[in-house]
Amino acid sequence: MRELDVSEITANVAEMCKEAAYYLPNDVYEGLKRGRETEKSEVGKIVLDQIIKNAEIARAEDRPYCQDTGMTIVFVKVGQDVHFVGGNFVDAINAGIAKGYTEGYLRKSVVSEPLFNRVNTKNNTPGVIYTEIVDGDKVDITIAPKGFGSENKSGVKMLVPADGVRGVKKAVMEIILHASMNPCPPMVVGVGIGGTMDRAALLSKKALTRSIDDRNPMPEYAKLEEELLELINSTGIGPQLGGTTSALAVNIEWEPTHIAGLPVAVTICCHAMRHAHRVL
């Protein structure tokens, strides 16, 4: 059994929050540059030039890549041979979020109650934390700040098995077309298929933590990713003001589901596809 003081969790989460806000992942940065090379719209090329330059300035000056530094989503894989000491694990993560957002001068966007008393918590807590128990004695943490311009345009469709691949494509494209230019494209689109309504949504979020250069290991889903990307890029949505680079990638994650169901969830992320990853 390995003991891990939760103060290490707090310190690392704080650093990761700043890292995710400042530094666009290299796969997304290179994807934007590829999009610039193939973009057919002159206005789209100008927009992509500005987006790429913004990423370079943010990295060079340790400044937030986007003013909406998001609601902090945290995916944690906890080895079953880890024993936390020194405090509560969830409290330690939230303390790290508060520390990172305060020290990094990141915008605090979380309200304590969603409907009747929308008062800002002033430190971006609580985060949305998903924990998975795995083998080993390590703690694997992914921080994914999620802005709500794109989050507000995400959605879930409850299909039946007879809808099949055609139905999945139709469901995804309905959500994308409804979103249009509002999620600050070029987008990265996470699709979750299977499980239940809530699990499909979680899968679609997890899909966004995968590199945009990595296709699903199952050939049928990899093919569907490419087909959906082609459909999205043919809409003319483009990089915010129209064009051919509407999305950089479609990432699909799936899991088993009920014989009567075919849940499909789509989480849209703007070009600020930020995340940070560490193993403790």
C-alpha atoms as a PDB file:
ATOM      1  CA  MET A   1       0.000   0.000   0.000  1.00  0.00           C
ATOM      2  CA  ARG A   2       1.364   3.421  -0.983  1.00  0.00           C
ATOM      3  CA  GLU A   3       0.523   6.454   1.125  1.00  0.00           C
ATOM      4  CA  LEU A   4      -0.037   9.738  -0.681  1.00  0.00           C
ATOM      5  CA  ASP A   5      -0.571  12.989   1.176  1.00  0.00           C
ATOM      6  CA  VAL A   6      -3.477  14.910  -0.312  1.00  0.00           C
ATOM      7  CA  SER A   7      -1.368  18.078  -0.224  1.00  0.00           C
ATOM      8  CA  GLU A   8       0.360  16.679  -3.328  1.00  0.00           C
ATOM      9  CA  ILE A   9      -3.009  16.442  -5.027  1.00  0.00           C
ATOM     10  CA  THR A  10      -3.758  20.081  -4.185  1.00  0.00           C
ATOM     11  CA  ALA A  11      -0.387  21.346  -5.384  1.00  0.00           C
ATOM     12  CA  ASN A  12      -0.520  19.461  -8.673  1.00  0.00           C
ATOM     13  CA  VAL A  13      -4.137  20.338  -9.443  1.00  0.00           C
ATOM     14  CA  ALA A  14      -3.344  24.031  -8.868  1.00  0.00           C
ATOM     15  CA  GLU A  15      -0.450  23.878 -11.329  1.00  0.00           C
ATOM     16  CA  MET A  16      -2.517  21.926 -13.856  1.00  0.00           C
ATOM     17  CA  CYS A  17      -5.349  24.468 -13.799  1.00  0.00           C
ATOM     18  CA  LYS A  18      -2.907  27.203 -14.816  1.00  0.00           C
ATOM     19  CA  GLU A  19      -1.154  24.970 -17.331  1.00  0.00           C
ATOM     20  CA  ALA A  20      -4.448  24.036 -19.006  1.00  0.00           C
ATOM     21  CA  ALA A  21      -5.562  27.677 -19.189  1.00  0.00           C
ATOM     22  CA  TYR A  22      -2.291  28.975 -20.650  1.00  0.00           C
ATOM     23  CA  TYR A  23      -1.028  26.264 -22.981  1.00  0.00           C
ATOM     24  CA  LEU A  24      -3.087  24.904 -25.850  1.00  0.00           C
ATOM     25  CA  PRO A  25      -2.165  21.209 -26.345  1.00  0.00           C
ATOM     26  CA  ASN A  26       0.246  20.679 -29.221  1.00  0.00           C
ATOM     27  CA  ASP A  27      -2.092  18.342 -31.127  1.00  0.00           C
ATOM     28  CA  VAL A  28      -4.774  21.052 -31.232  1.00  0.00           C
ATOM     29  CA  TYR A  29      -2.251  23.756 -32.149  1.00  0.00           C
ATOM     30  CA  GLU A  30      -0.935  21.651 -35.038  1.00  0.00           C
ATOM     31  CA  GLY A  31      -4.522  20.820 -36.046  1.00  0.00           C
ATOM     32  CA  LEU A  32      -5.295  24.526 -36.300  1.00  0.00           C
ATOM     33  CA  LYS A  33      -2.252  25.038 -38.524  1.00  0.00           C
ATOM     34  CA  ARG A  34      -3.334  22.160 -40.768  1.00  0.00           C
ATOM     35  CA  GLY A  35      -6.785  23.691 -40.944  1.00  0.00           C
ATOM     36  CA  ARG A  36      -5.226  26.999 -41.991  1.00  0.00           C
ATOM     37  CA  GLU A  37      -3.394  25.251 -44.843  1.00  0.00           C
ATOM     38  CA  THR A  38      -6.571  23.673 -46.230  1.00  0.00           C
ATOM     39  CA  GLU A  39      -9.100  26.428 -45.435  1.00  0.00           C
ATOM     40  CA  LYS A  40     -10.792  27.643 -48.618  1.00  0.00           C
ATOM     41  CA  SER A  41     -12.395  30.818 -47.255  1.00  0.00           C
ATOM     42  CA  GLU A  42     -10.244  33.958 -47.207  1.00  0.00           C
ATOM     43  CA  VAL A  43     -12.081  35.210 -44.137  1.00  0.00           C
ATOM     44  CA  GLY A  44     -11.626  31.783 -42.547  1.00  0.00           C
ATOM     45  CA  LYS A  45      -7.877  31.987 -43.139  1.00  0.00           C
ATOM     46  CA  ILE A  46      -7.718  35.350 -41.384  1.00  0.00           C
ATOM     47  CA  VAL A  47      -9.680  34.014 -38.415  1.00  0.00           C
ATOM     48  CA  LEU A  48      -7.434  30.959 -38.132  1.00  0.00           C
ATOM     49  CA  ASP A  49      -4.337  33.165 -38.295  1.00  0.00           C
ATOM     50  CA  GLN A  50      -5.690  35.145 -35.337  1.00  0.00           C
ATOM     51  CA  ILE A  51      -6.574  32.003 -33.371  1.00  0.00           C
ATOM     52  CA  ILE A  52      -3.094  30.548 -33.913  1.00  0.00           C
ATOM     53  CA  LYS A  53      -1.405  33.826 -32.967  1.00  0.00           C
ATOM     54  CA  ASN A  54      -3.514  34.023 -29.819  1.00  0.00           C
ATOM     55  CA  ALA A  55      -2.329  30.542 -28.779  1.00  0.00           C
ATOM     56  CA  GLU A  56       1.287  31.582 -29.296  1.00  0.00           C
ATOM     57  CA  ILE A  57       0.893  34.762 -27.238  1.00  0.00           C
ATOM     58  CA  ALA A  58      -0.876  32.874 -24.424  1.00  0.00           C
ATOM     59  CA  ARG A  59       1.932  30.310 -24.235  1.00  0.00           C
ATOM     60  CA  ALA A  60       4.724  32.886 -24.412  1.00  0.00           C
ATOM     61  CA  GLU A  61       3.238  35.176 -21.779  1.00  0.00           C
ATOM     62  CA  ASP A  62       1.514  32.659 -19.460  1.00  0.00           C
ATOM     63  CA  ARG A  63      -1.876  34.230 -20.104  1.00  0.00           C
ATOM     64  CA  PRO A  64      -5.265  32.523 -20.431  1.00  0.00           C
ATOM     65  CA  TYR A  65      -5.884  31.342 -23.983  1.00  0.00           C
ATOM     66  CA  CYS A  66      -9.571  32.312 -23.584  1.00  0.00           C
ATOM     67  CA  GLN A  67     -11.252  34.603 -21.064  1.00  0.00           C
ATOM     68  CA  ASP A  68     -13.743  31.834 -20.252  1.00  0.00           C
ATOM     69  CA  THR A  69     -11.455  29.608 -18.220  1.00  0.00           C
ATOM     70  CA  GLY A  70     -14.335  27.242 -17.761  1.00  0.00           C
ATOM     71  CA  MET A  71     -15.851  24.980 -15.189  1.00  0.00           C
ATOM     72  CA  THR A  72     -13.123  22.625 -14.051  1.00  0.00           C
ATOM     73  CA  ILE A  73     -13.755  19.016 -15.014  1.00  0.00           C
ATOM     74  CA  VAL A  74     -11.421  16.527 -13.336  1.00  0.00           C
ATOM     75  CA  PHE A  75     -10.995  12.915 -14.401  1.00  0.00           C
ATOM     76  CA  VAL A  76      -9.114  10.850 -11.815  1.00  0.00           C
ATOM     77  CA  LYS A  77      -7.970   7.231 -12.003  1.00  0.00           C
ATOM     78  CA  VAL A  78      -7.050   6.112  -8.497  1.00  0.00           C
ATOM     79  CA  GLY A  79      -4.942   3.020  -8.038  1.00  0.00           C
ATOM     80  CA  GLN A  80      -6.566   0.684  -5.520  1.00  0.00           C
ATOM     81  CA  ASP A  81      -3.228   0.365  -3.708  1.00  0.00           C
ATOM     82  CA  VAL A  82      -3.120   4.088  -2.875  1.00  0.00           C
ATOM     83  CA  HIS A  83      -4.046   5.274   0.612  1.00  0.00           C
ATOM     84  CA  PHE A  84      -4.680   9.003   0.949  1.00  0.00           C
ATOM     85  CA  VAL A  85      -3.506  10.707   4.121  1.00  0.00           C
ATOM     86  CA  GLY A  86      -3.657  14.257   5.430  1.00  0.00           C
ATOM     87  CA  GLY A  87      -7.234  15.051   4.529  1.00  0.00           C
ATOM     88  CA  ASN A  88     -10.134  14.391   2.216  1.00  0.00           C
ATOM     89  CA  PHE A  89      -9.376  13.539  -1.422  1.00  0.00           C
ATOM     90  CA  VAL A  90     -12.244  15.545  -2.974  1.00  0.00           C
ATOM     91  CA  ASP A  91     -11.558  18.535  -0.725  1.00  0.00           C
ATOM     92  CA  ALA A  92      -7.922  18.414  -1.849  1.00  0.00           C
ATOM     93  CA  ILE A  93      -8.917  18.593  -5.516  1.00  0.00           C
ATOM     94  CA  ASN A  94     -11.215  21.540  -4.891  1.00  0.00           C
ATOM     95  CA  ALA A  95      -8.502  23.273  -2.861  1.00  0.00           C
ATOM     96  CA  GLY A  96      -6.195  22.847  -5.858  1.00  0.00           C
ATOM     97  CA  ILE A  97      -8.788  24.353  -8.198  1.00  0.00           C
ATOM     98  CA  ALA A  98      -9.271  27.334  -5.868  1.00  0.00           C
ATOM     99  CA  LYS A  99      -5.520  27.837  -5.543  1.00  0.00           C
ATOM    100  CA  GLY A 100      -4.862  27.554  -9.268  1.00  0.00           C
ATOM    101  CA  TYR A 101      -7.659  29.891 -10.327  1.00  0.00           C
ATOM    102  CA  THR A 102      -6.747  32.472  -7.684  1.00  0.00           C
ATOM    103  CA  GLU A 103      -2.984  32.422  -8.181  1.00  0.00           C
ATOM    104  CA  GLY A 104      -3.337  32.276 -11.969  1.00  0.00           C
ATOM    105  CA  TYR A 105      -5.818  35.172 -12.121  1.00  0.00           C
ATOM    106  CA  LEU A 106      -8.202  32.908 -14.028  1.00  0.00           C
ATOM    107  CA  ARG A 107     -11.843  33.911 -14.356  1.00  0.00           C
ATOM    108  CA  LYS A 108     -14.041  32.358 -11.694  1.00  0.00           C
ATOM    109  CA  SER A 109     -17.273  31.273 -13.344  1.00  0.00           C
ATOM    110  CA  VAL A 110     -19.027  28.894 -10.938  1.00  0.00           C
ATOM    111  CA  VAL A 111     -22.232  29.817  -9.099  1.00  0.00           C
ATOM    112  CA  SER A 112     -23.154  28.009  -5.902  1.00  0.00           C
ATOM    113  CA  GLU A 113     -26.786  27.298  -6.860  1.00  0.00           C
ATOM    114  CA  PRO A 114     -28.010  27.159 -10.459  1.00  0.00           C
ATOM    115  CA  LEU A 115     -31.511  28.649 -10.456  1.00  0.00           C
ATOM    116  CA  PHE A 116     -32.713  30.781  -7.559  1.00  0.00           C
ATOM    117  CA  ASN A 117     -29.539  32.191  -5.967  1.00  0.00           C
ATOM    118  CA  ARG A 118     -26.790  32.417  -8.582  1.00  0.00           C
ATOM    119  CA  VAL A 119     -23.975  33.697  -6.363  1.00  0.00           C
ATOM    120  CA  ASN A 120     -20.404  33.256  -7.603  1.00  0.00           C
ATOM    121  CA  THR A 121     -18.285  30.988  -5.374  1.00  0.00           C
ATOM    122  CA  LYS A 122     -15.310  33.287  -6.142  1.00  0.00           C
ATOM    123  CA  ASN A 123     -12.750  30.480  -6.579  1.00  0.00           C
ATOM    124  CA  ASN A 124     -14.280  28.336  -9.371  1.00  0.00           C
ATOM    125  CA  THR A 125     -15.146  25.502  -7.022  1.00  0.00           C
ATOM    126  CA  PRO A 126     -16.569  22.994  -6.827  1.00  0.00           C
ATOM    127  CA  GLY A 127     -15.113  21.169  -9.768  1.00  0.00           C
ATOM    128  CA  VAL A 128     -16.911  18.365 -11.587  1.00  0.00           C
ATOM    129  CA  ILE A 129     -14.980  15.289 -10.458  1.00  0.00           C
ATOM    130  CA  TYR A 130     -15.161  11.817 -11.980  1.00  0.00           C
ATOM    131  CA  THR A 131     -13.251   9.098 -10.128  1.00  0.00           C
ATOM    132  CA  GLU A 132     -12.394   5.616 -11.382  1.00  0.00           C
ATOM    133  CA  ILE A 133     -10.699   2.895  -9.310  1.00  0.00           C
ATOM    134  CA  VAL A 134      -7.987   1.055 -11.249  1.00  0.00           C
ATOM    135  CA  ASP A 135      -5.132  -1.347 -10.555  1.00  0.00           C
ATOM    136  CA  GLY A 136      -1.824  -0.097  -9.191  1.00  0.00           C
ATOM    137  CA  ASP A 137      -0.562   2.571  -6.811  1.00  0.00           C
ATOM    138  CA  LYS A 138      -0.646   5.685  -9.008  1.00  0.00           C
ATOM    139  CA  VAL A 139      -3.085   8.577  -9.299  1.00  0.00           C
ATOM    140  CA  ASP A 140      -3.765   9.658 -12.871  1.00  0.00           C
ATOM    141  CA  ILE A 141      -5.306  13.157 -13.140  1.00  0.00           C
ATOM    142  CA  THR A 142      -6.671  14.971 -16.181  1.00  0.00           C
ATOM    143  CA  ILE A 143      -7.881  18.547 -15.821  1.00  0.00           C
ATOM    144  CA  ALA A 144     -10.245  19.759 -18.564  1.00  0.00           C
ATOM    145  CA  PRO A 145     -11.580  23.320 -18.148  1.00  0.00           C
ATOM    146  CA  LYS A 146     -14.865  23.535 -20.079  1.00  0.00           C
ATOM    147  CA  GLY A 147     -16.153  26.852 -21.339  1.00  0.00           C
ATOM    148  CA  PHE A 148     -19.908  27.205 -21.607  1.00  0.00           C
ATOM    149  CA  GLY A 149     -20.219  28.859 -24.991  1.00  0.00           C
ATOM    150  CA  SER A 150     -19.705  25.392 -26.421  1.00  0.00           C
ATOM    151  CA  GLU A 151     -21.098  23.436 -23.460  1.00  0.00           C
ATOM    152  CA  ASN A 152     -24.470  25.135 -23.918  1.00  0.00           C
ATOM    153  CA  LYS A 153     -24.703  23.719 -27.439  1.00  0.00           C
ATOM    154  CA  SER A 154     -24.015  20.102 -26.464  1.00  0.00           C
ATOM    155  CA  GLY A 155     -26.813  17.547 -26.305  1.00  0.00           C
ATOM    156  CA  VAL A 156     -28.102  14.009 -25.833  1.00  0.00           C
ATOM    157  CA  LYS A 157     -30.317  11.984 -28.167  1.00  0.00           C
ATOM    158  CA  MET A 158     -31.971   8.769 -27.023  1.00  0.00           C
ATOM    159  CA  LEU A 159     -32.155   6.564 -30.104  1.00  0.00           C
ATOM    160  CA  VAL A 160     -33.335   2.968 -30.573  1.00  0.00           C
ATOM    161  CA  PRO A 161     -31.199   0.208 -32.111  1.00  0.00           C
ATOM    162  CA  ALA A 162     -33.144   0.355 -35.386  1.00  0.00           C
ATOM    163  CA  ASP A 163     -31.840   3.909 -35.934  1.00  0.00           C
ATOM    164  CA  GLY A 164     -28.375   2.441 -36.511  1.00  0.00           C
ATOM    165  CA  VAL A 165     -25.423   4.324 -37.983  1.00  0.00           C
ATOM    166  CA  ARG A 166     -27.666   6.556 -40.071  1.00  0.00           C
ATOM    167  CA  GLY A 167     -29.564   7.599 -36.954  1.00  0.00           C
ATOM    168  CA  VAL A 168     -26.354   8.336 -35.075  1.00  0.00           C
ATOM    169  CA  LYS A 169     -25.116  10.565 -37.899  1.00  0.00           C
ATOM    170  CA  LYS A 170     -28.469  12.351 -38.039  1.00  0.00           C
ATOM    171  CA  ALA A 171     -28.488  12.907 -34.268  1.00  0.00           C
ATOM    172  CA  VAL A 172     -24.943  14.284 -34.224  1.00  0.00           C
ATOM    173  CA  MET A 173     -25.539  16.585 -37.162  1.00  0.00           C
ATOM    174  CA  GLU A 174     -28.782  17.941 -35.685  1.00  0.00           C
ATOM    175  CA  ILE A 175     -26.839  19.027 -32.606  1.00  0.00           C
ATOM    176  CA  ILE A 176     -23.991  20.482 -34.695  1.00  0.00           C
ATOM    177  CA  LEU A 177     -26.300  22.399 -37.022  1.00  0.00           C
ATOM    178  CA  HIS A 178     -28.266  23.777 -34.070  1.00  0.00           C
ATOM    179  CA  ALA A 179     -24.975  24.909 -32.527  1.00  0.00           C
ATOM    180  CA  SER A 180     -23.797  26.504 -35.790  1.00  0.00           C
ATOM    181  CA  MET A 181     -21.174  29.218 -35.178  1.00  0.00           C
ATOM    182  CA  ASN A 182     -22.060  29.739 -31.497  1.00  0.00           C
ATOM    183  CA  PRO A 183     -19.459  27.369 -29.951  1.00  0.00           C
ATOM    184  CA  CYS A 184     -16.502  29.376 -31.361  1.00  0.00           C
ATOM    185  CA  PRO A 185     -15.414  26.935 -34.081  1.00  0.00           C
ATOM    186  CA  PRO A 186     -13.331  25.263 -35.291  1.00  0.00           C
ATOM    187  CA  MET A 187     -14.752  22.713 -32.887  1.00  0.00           C
ATOM    188  CA  VAL A 188     -13.550  19.449 -31.475  1.00  0.00           C
ATOM    189  CA  VAL A 189     -16.540  17.141 -31.134  1.00  0.00           C
ATOM    190  CA  GLY A 190     -16.752  14.422 -28.511  1.00  0.00           C
ATOM    191  CA  VAL A 191     -19.355  11.723 -29.111  1.00  0.00           C
ATOM    192  CA  GLY A 192     -20.434   9.148 -26.528  1.00  0.00           C
ATOM    193  CA  ILE A 193     -22.394   6.117 -27.704  1.00  0.00           C
ATOM    194  CA  GLY A 194     -23.916   3.507 -25.406  1.00  0.00           C
ATOM    195  CA  GLY A 195     -24.406   3.096 -21.693  1.00  0.00           C
ATOM    196  CA  THR A 196     -27.293   5.182 -20.355  1.00  0.00           C
ATOM    197  CA  MET A 197     -28.228   8.816 -20.940  1.00  0.00           C
ATOM    198  CA  ASP A 198     -25.796  10.024 -18.281  1.00  0.00           C
ATOM    199  CA  ARG A 199     -23.011   7.597 -19.213  1.00  0.00           C
ATOM    200  CA  ALA A 200     -23.182   8.613 -22.872  1.00  0.00           C
ATOM    201  CA  ALA A 201     -22.713  12.228 -21.807  1.00  0.00           C
ATOM    202  CA  LEU A 202     -19.714  11.277 -19.670  1.00  0.00           C
ATOM    203  CA  LEU A 203     -18.214   9.294 -22.546  1.00  0.00           C
ATOM    204  CA  SER A 204     -18.566  12.304 -24.820  1.00  0.00           C
ATOM    205  CA  LYS A 205     -16.649  14.407 -22.274  1.00  0.00           C
ATOM    206  CA  LYS A 206     -13.899  11.807 -21.913  1.00  0.00           C
ATOM    207  CA  ALA A 207     -13.591  11.664 -25.704  1.00  0.00           C
ATOM    208  CA  LEU A 208     -12.383  15.269 -25.642  1.00  0.00           C
ATOM    209  CA  THR A 209      -9.358  14.341 -23.527  1.00  0.00           C
ATOM    210  CA  ARG A 210      -8.033  12.105 -26.309  1.00  0.00           C
ATOM    211  CA  SER A 211      -5.581  13.565 -28.829  1.00  0.00           C
ATOM    212  CA  ILE A 212      -7.273  14.782 -32.003  1.00  0.00           C
ATOM    213  CA  ASP A 213      -4.676  12.736 -33.905  1.00  0.00           C
ATOM    214  CA  ASP A 214      -5.747   9.424 -32.344  1.00  0.00           C
ATOM    215  CA  ARG A 215      -8.592   7.540 -33.964  1.00  0.00           C
ATOM    216  CA  ASN A 216     -10.798   5.080 -32.095  1.00  0.00           C
ATOM    217  CA  PRO A 217      -9.037   1.691 -31.987  1.00  0.00           C
ATOM    218  CA  MET A 218     -12.128  -0.096 -33.346  1.00  0.00           C
ATOM    219  CA  PRO A 219     -12.091   0.344 -37.157  1.00  0.00           C
ATOM    220  CA  GLU A 220     -15.850   0.836 -37.480  1.00  0.00           C
ATOM    221  CA  TYR A 221     -15.810   3.724 -34.999  1.00  0.00           C
ATOM    222  CA  ALA A 222     -12.656   5.193 -36.530  1.00  0.00           C
ATOM    223  CA  LYS A 223     -14.453   5.224 -39.900  1.00  0.00           C
ATOM    224  CA  LEU A 224     -17.493   6.874 -38.311  1.00  0.00           C
ATOM    225  CA  GLU A 225     -15.254   9.557 -36.773  1.00  0.00           C
ATOM    226  CA  GLU A 226     -13.871  10.405 -40.203  1.00  0.00           C
ATOM    227  CA  GLU A 227     -17.309  10.394 -41.833  1.00  0.00           C
ATOM    228  CA  LEU A 228     -18.765  12.709 -39.196  1.00  0.00           C
ATOM    229  CA  LEU A 229     -15.787  15.068 -39.511  1.00  0.00           C
ATOM    230  CA  GLU A 230     -16.338  15.267 -43.242  1.00  0.00           C
ATOM    231  CA  LEU A 231     -20.047  15.988 -42.755  1.00  0.00           C
ATOM    232  CA  ILE A 232     -19.348  18.728 -40.213  1.00  0.00           C
ATOM    233  CA  ASN A 233     -16.714  20.363 -42.400  1.00  0.00           C
ATOM    234  CA  SER A 234     -19.136  20.406 -45.317  1.00  0.00           C
ATOM    235  CA  THR A 235     -21.694  22.531 -43.434  1.00  0.00           C
ATOM    236  CA  GLY A 236     -19.979  25.856 -44.181  1.00  0.00           C
ATOM    237  CA  ILE A 237     -19.930  26.798 -40.469  1.00  0.00           C
ATOM    238  CA  GLY A 238     -16.180  27.272 -40.742  1.00  0.00           C
ATOM    239  CA  PRO A 239     -13.919  29.078 -38.262  1.00  0.00           C
ATOM    240  CA  GLN A 240     -16.496  31.391 -36.673  1.00  0.00           C
ATOM    241  CA  LEU A 241     -17.321  33.443 -39.785  1.00  0.00           C
ATOM    242  CA  GLY A 242     -17.840  30.680 -42.335  1.00  0.00           C
ATOM    243  CA  GLY A 243     -15.495  28.398 -44.235  1.00  0.00           C
ATOM    244  CA  THR A 244     -14.392  24.798 -44.526  1.00  0.00           C
ATOM    245  CA  THR A 245     -12.621  24.255 -41.180  1.00  0.00           C
ATOM    246  CA  SER A 246     -15.670  23.769 -38.965  1.00  0.00           C
ATOM    247  CA  ALA A 247     -14.133  21.016 -36.823  1.00  0.00           C
ATOM    248  CA  LEU A 248     -10.632  19.707 -36.200  1.00  0.00           C
ATOM    249  CA  ALA A 249     -11.698  16.235 -35.115  1.00  0.00           C
ATOM    250  CA  VAL A 250     -14.534  13.985 -33.991  1.00  0.00           C
ATOM    251  CA  ASN A 251     -13.592  11.633 -31.147  1.00  0.00           C
ATOM    252  CA  ILE A 252     -15.967   8.777 -30.285  1.00  0.00           C
ATOM    253  CA  GLU A 253     -16.019   6.715 -27.103  1.00  0.00           C
ATOM    254  CA  TRP A 254     -18.471   3.858 -26.595  1.00  0.00           C
ATOM    255  CA  GLU A 255     -19.519   1.242 -24.069  1.00  0.00           C
ATOM    256  CA  PRO A 256     -22.137  -1.531 -23.732  1.00  0.00           C
ATOM    257  CA  THR A 257     -25.791  -0.570 -23.502  1.00  0.00           C
ATOM    258  CA  HIS A 258     -29.268  -2.072 -23.071  1.00  0.00           C
ATOM    259  CA  ILE A 259     -30.797  -4.207 -25.851  1.00  0.00           C
ATOM    260  CA  ALA A 260     -33.526  -1.580 -26.320  1.00  0.00           C
ATOM    261  CA  GLY A 261     -31.299   1.484 -26.353  1.00  0.00           C
ATOM    262  CA  LEU A 262     -28.816   3.503 -28.380  1.00  0.00           C
ATOM    263  CA  PRO A 263     -27.937   6.632 -26.368  1.00  0.00           C
ATOM    264  CA  VAL A 264     -25.883   9.230 -28.241  1.00  0.00           C
ATOM    265  CA  ALA A 265     -24.348  12.271 -26.560  1.00  0.00           C
ATOM    266  CA  VAL A 266     -22.404  15.090 -28.183  1.00  0.00           C
ATOM    267  CA  THR A 267     -20.143  17.428 -26.250  1.00  0.00           C
ATOM    268  CA  ILE A 268     -18.869  20.292 -28.349  1.00  0.00           C
ATOM    269  CA  CYS A 269     -15.623  22.021 -27.461  1.00  0.00           C
ATOM    270  CA  CYS A 270     -14.485  25.277 -29.012  1.00  0.00           C
ATOM    271  CA  HIS A 271     -10.996  25.698 -30.449  1.00  0.00           C
ATOM    272  CA  ALA A 272      -9.824  26.300 -26.865  1.00  0.00           C
ATOM    273  CA  MET A 273      -9.608  22.528 -26.365  1.00  0.00           C
ATOM    274  CA  ARG A 274      -7.648  22.724 -23.136  1.00  0.00           C
ATOM    275  CA  HIS A 275      -6.512  19.974 -20.819  1.00  0.00           C
ATOM    276  CA  ALA A 276      -3.568  18.971 -18.640  1.00  0.00           C
ATOM    277  CA  HIS A 277      -2.495  15.505 -17.510  1.00  0.00           C
ATOM    278  CA  ARG A 278      -0.223  14.196 -14.745  1.00  0.00           C
ATOM    279  CA  VAL A 279       0.437  10.894 -13.016  1.00  0.00           C
ATOM    280  CA  LEU A 280       1.372  11.019  -9.320  1.00  0.00           C
END
